[in-house]
Amino acid sequence: MNEAVKNPKSLKAQITRTSLVLAAAALLREEGPGAVTYRKVAKWAGAASSSVGYYFESTSQLLQEAARYNMQLWIQRADNVAAEAESMDCAKCRANVVDLLVKACLPNEDTQLSAHYLQLLLADESPSVTEAYRTGRASLNRAIERIVTRSGVALSSDMVSILVDGAIVQGISEGRSAREFATEVLNTYIETHAVMA
């Protein structure tokens, strides 16, 4: 693919390409990688099907950009929560650490958690999506580490993810309020296992 198509020069071309990535990202979040087809992306973006093939060499390239965009949204949210934690004194951060960590690990409250976790589980259908999510996880973990460091709780970012993700999946499968259950599980773990610095 030539560089002009990958990085279009005109404003209209930039808008079209961006709208295709945003449509693919929304499809990926809501339905998983298998739903990201040229035809469906074009429909969601309100563009001609041929425009997807014009701007992207393959579905794999489109999926990679969509996954990077989704991961960037998640990282930005986690970074914002980490900045919120760092604006607190240590005692206040420690008192709010569970809520901060759950907020950093999960998408916005208006996002359906089952759809979020389904697209994560289905990521293995596409090596491009898996790679984008794996690469982005390091930035997400750094944001989580900033929160636990500020709070003085000795807890790894991996353990936070394991606890929150496990609780969400269990909560969804049992018809519970998954966010509340994740908060409860993380709180219990911190109270019984985590060492305070």
Protein backbone atom coordinates (compact mmCIF):
# COMPACT_ATOMS: atom_id res chain seq x y z
CA MET A 1 0.00 0.00 0.00
CA ASN A 2 1.38 3.39 -0.85
CA GLU A 3 1.98 5.92 1.91
CA ALA A 4 -0.58 8.39 0.53
CA VAL A 5 -3.40 5.91 1.09
CA LYS A 6 -2.12 4.82 4.50
CA ASN A 7 -1.77 8.45 5.59
CA PRO A 8 -4.17 10.41 3.40
CA LYS A 9 -3.37 14.05 2.75
CA SER A 10 -6.78 15.58 2.15
CA LEU A 11 -9.07 16.34 5.06
CA LYS A 12 -11.91 14.39 3.46
CA ALA A 13 -9.68 11.32 3.01
CA GLN A 14 -8.44 11.60 6.61
CA ILE A 15 -12.02 11.79 7.88
CA THR A 16 -13.06 8.79 5.79
CA ARG A 17 -10.14 6.68 6.95
CA THR A 18 -10.67 7.67 10.59
CA SER A 19 -14.38 6.89 10.40
CA LEU A 20 -13.54 3.42 9.10
CA VAL A 21 -11.16 2.77 11.99
CA LEU A 22 -13.74 4.02 14.51
CA ALA A 23 -16.45 1.83 12.98
CA ALA A 24 -14.14 -1.20 13.05
CA ALA A 25 -13.21 -0.43 16.67
CA ALA A 26 -16.88 -0.25 17.69
CA LEU A 27 -17.62 -3.52 15.89
CA LEU A 28 -14.63 -5.15 17.55
CA ARG A 29 -15.78 -3.99 21.00
CA GLU A 30 -19.37 -5.05 20.50
CA GLU A 31 -19.12 -8.21 18.40
CA GLY A 32 -15.51 -9.38 18.31
CA PRO A 33 -12.99 -9.66 15.47
CA GLY A 34 -15.16 -11.93 13.33
CA ALA A 35 -17.67 -9.13 12.85
CA VAL A 36 -15.09 -6.80 11.28
CA THR A 37 -15.66 -7.21 7.55
CA TYR A 38 -15.21 -4.62 4.82
CA ARG A 39 -18.94 -4.54 4.15
CA LYS A 40 -20.00 -4.21 7.79
CA VAL A 41 -17.36 -1.60 8.60
CA ALA A 42 -18.39 0.46 5.57
CA LYS A 43 -22.04 0.25 6.60
CA TRP A 44 -21.31 1.35 10.16
CA ALA A 45 -19.11 4.19 8.90
CA GLY A 46 -21.63 5.28 6.27
CA ALA A 47 -19.04 4.78 3.53
CA ALA A 48 -18.77 2.78 0.33
CA SER A 49 -17.49 -0.80 0.75
CA SER A 50 -14.75 -0.07 -1.76
CA SER A 51 -13.34 2.66 0.49
CA VAL A 52 -12.32 0.09 3.11
CA GLY A 53 -10.26 -1.81 0.55
CA TYR A 54 -8.80 1.46 -0.70
CA TYR A 55 -7.47 2.54 2.73
CA PHE A 56 -6.58 -0.87 4.17
CA GLU A 57 -4.64 -3.67 2.51
CA SER A 58 -6.46 -6.30 4.52
CA THR A 59 -8.95 -6.91 7.28
CA SER A 60 -5.96 -7.77 9.44
CA GLN A 61 -4.53 -4.26 9.04
CA LEU A 62 -7.92 -2.72 9.82
CA LEU A 63 -8.32 -4.94 12.89
CA GLN A 64 -4.88 -3.97 14.13
CA GLU A 65 -5.69 -0.26 13.94
CA ALA A 66 -9.11 -0.79 15.51
CA ALA A 67 -7.60 -2.82 18.36
CA ARG A 68 -4.93 -0.17 18.94
CA TYR A 69 -7.65 2.47 19.12
CA ASN A 70 -9.68 0.42 21.61
CA MET A 71 -6.62 -0.25 23.75
CA GLN A 72 -5.73 3.43 23.68
CA LEU A 73 -9.18 4.30 25.05
CA TRP A 74 -8.69 1.81 27.87
CA ILE A 75 -5.16 3.08 28.63
CA GLN A 76 -6.34 6.69 28.61
CA ARG A 77 -9.08 5.85 31.10
CA ALA A 78 -6.60 4.02 33.35
CA ASP A 79 -4.09 6.90 33.10
CA ASN A 80 -6.82 9.37 34.08
CA VAL A 81 -7.68 7.24 37.11
CA ALA A 82 -3.98 6.99 38.01
CA ALA A 83 -3.69 10.79 37.79
CA GLU A 84 -6.75 11.06 40.04
CA ALA A 85 -5.07 8.71 42.55
CA GLU A 86 -1.83 10.69 42.45
CA SER A 87 -3.73 13.92 43.15
CA MET A 88 -4.89 12.44 46.47
CA ASP A 89 -2.80 12.22 49.60
CA CYS A 90 -1.65 8.67 50.34
CA ALA A 91 -4.25 8.03 53.05
CA LYS A 92 -7.14 9.11 50.85
CA CYS A 93 -5.80 7.05 47.96
CA ARG A 94 -5.50 4.00 50.22
CA ALA A 95 -9.09 4.50 51.42
CA ASN A 96 -10.29 4.63 47.79
CA VAL A 97 -7.85 2.19 46.20
CA VAL A 98 -10.43 -0.52 45.43
CA ASP A 99 -12.77 1.85 43.60
CA LEU A 100 -9.85 3.41 41.74
CA LEU A 101 -8.50 0.04 40.61
CA VAL A 102 -11.88 -1.25 39.46
CA LYS A 103 -12.45 2.01 37.57
CA ALA A 104 -9.02 1.75 35.92
CA CYS A 105 -9.47 -1.89 34.90
CA LEU A 106 -12.93 -1.65 33.40
CA PRO A 107 -14.51 0.34 30.57
CA ASN A 108 -16.98 3.16 31.19
CA GLU A 109 -20.13 2.25 33.07
CA ASP A 110 -22.24 2.68 29.93
CA THR A 111 -20.29 -0.15 28.27
CA GLN A 112 -21.85 -3.59 28.53
CA LEU A 113 -19.32 -5.67 30.44
CA SER A 114 -20.28 -8.92 28.76
CA ALA A 115 -19.52 -7.37 25.35
CA HIS A 116 -16.20 -6.02 26.63
CA TYR A 117 -15.11 -9.41 27.92
CA LEU A 118 -16.42 -11.24 24.89
CA GLN A 119 -14.25 -9.15 22.56
CA LEU A 120 -11.25 -9.82 24.81
CA LEU A 121 -11.92 -13.56 24.72
CA LEU A 122 -12.40 -13.50 20.96
CA ALA A 123 -9.15 -11.58 20.41
CA ASP A 124 -7.38 -14.84 19.71
CA GLU A 125 -9.35 -15.07 16.45
CA SER A 126 -7.06 -12.39 15.09
CA PRO A 127 -3.30 -12.27 15.65
CA SER A 128 -3.42 -8.53 14.89
CA VAL A 129 -5.88 -7.90 17.71
CA THR A 130 -3.99 -10.17 20.11
CA GLU A 131 -0.74 -8.33 19.40
CA ALA A 132 -2.32 -4.89 19.84
CA TYR A 133 -3.89 -5.91 23.14
CA ARG A 134 -0.69 -7.59 24.38
CA THR A 135 1.36 -4.51 23.55
CA GLY A 136 -1.17 -2.17 25.14
CA ARG A 137 -1.38 -4.23 28.33
CA ALA A 138 2.05 -2.95 29.42
CA SER A 139 0.75 0.65 29.45
CA LEU A 140 -2.41 -0.41 31.25
CA ASN A 141 -0.30 -2.21 33.87
CA ARG A 142 1.82 0.91 34.39
CA ALA A 143 -1.30 2.92 35.20
CA ILE A 144 -2.45 0.27 37.68
CA GLU A 145 1.02 0.26 39.27
CA ARG A 146 0.82 4.03 39.72
CA ILE A 147 -2.42 3.59 41.68
CA VAL A 148 -1.12 0.81 43.94
CA THR A 149 2.14 2.69 44.52
CA ARG A 150 0.32 5.85 45.57
CA SER A 151 -1.98 3.88 47.86
CA GLY A 152 0.87 2.02 49.52
CA VAL A 153 -0.77 -1.34 48.84
CA ALA A 154 1.71 -4.05 47.86
CA LEU A 155 -0.18 -5.65 45.00
CA SER A 156 1.01 -6.39 41.48
CA SER A 157 -0.84 -5.12 38.43
CA ASP A 158 -1.19 -8.70 37.21
CA MET A 159 -2.90 -9.74 40.45
CA VAL A 160 -5.25 -6.76 40.20
CA SER A 161 -6.21 -7.81 36.66
CA ILE A 162 -6.67 -11.44 37.67
CA LEU A 163 -8.91 -10.53 40.60
CA VAL A 164 -11.01 -7.99 38.70
CA ASP A 165 -11.34 -10.04 35.50
CA GLY A 166 -12.13 -13.22 37.41
CA ALA A 167 -14.75 -11.49 39.51
CA ILE A 168 -16.35 -9.86 36.48
CA VAL A 169 -16.63 -13.17 34.62
CA GLN A 170 -18.05 -14.90 37.69
CA GLY A 171 -20.43 -12.01 38.35
CA ILE A 172 -21.70 -12.01 34.76
CA SER A 173 -22.12 -15.80 34.71
CA GLU A 174 -24.07 -15.74 37.99
CA GLY A 175 -26.30 -12.80 37.12
CA ARG A 176 -24.77 -10.55 39.79
CA SER A 177 -23.84 -6.92 39.56
CA ALA A 178 -20.40 -7.66 38.15
CA ARG A 179 -18.83 -4.32 39.08
CA GLU A 180 -20.05 -4.61 42.66
CA PHE A 181 -18.80 -8.18 42.88
CA ALA A 182 -15.37 -7.17 41.51
CA THR A 183 -15.21 -4.41 44.12
CA GLU A 184 -16.10 -6.89 46.86
CA VAL A 185 -13.53 -9.48 45.72
CA LEU A 186 -10.72 -6.95 45.38
CA ASN A 187 -11.55 -5.37 48.73
CA THR A 188 -11.55 -8.76 50.48
CA TYR A 189 -8.23 -9.70 48.89
CA ILE A 190 -6.57 -6.43 49.90
CA GLU A 191 -7.89 -6.67 53.46
CA THR A 192 -6.67 -10.23 53.91
CA HIS A 193 -3.55 -10.56 51.74
CA ALA A 194 -2.07 -7.25 50.65
CA VAL A 195 0.70 -5.70 52.72
CA MET A 196 0.55 -1.97 53.29
CA ALA A 197 3.78 -0.06 52.77
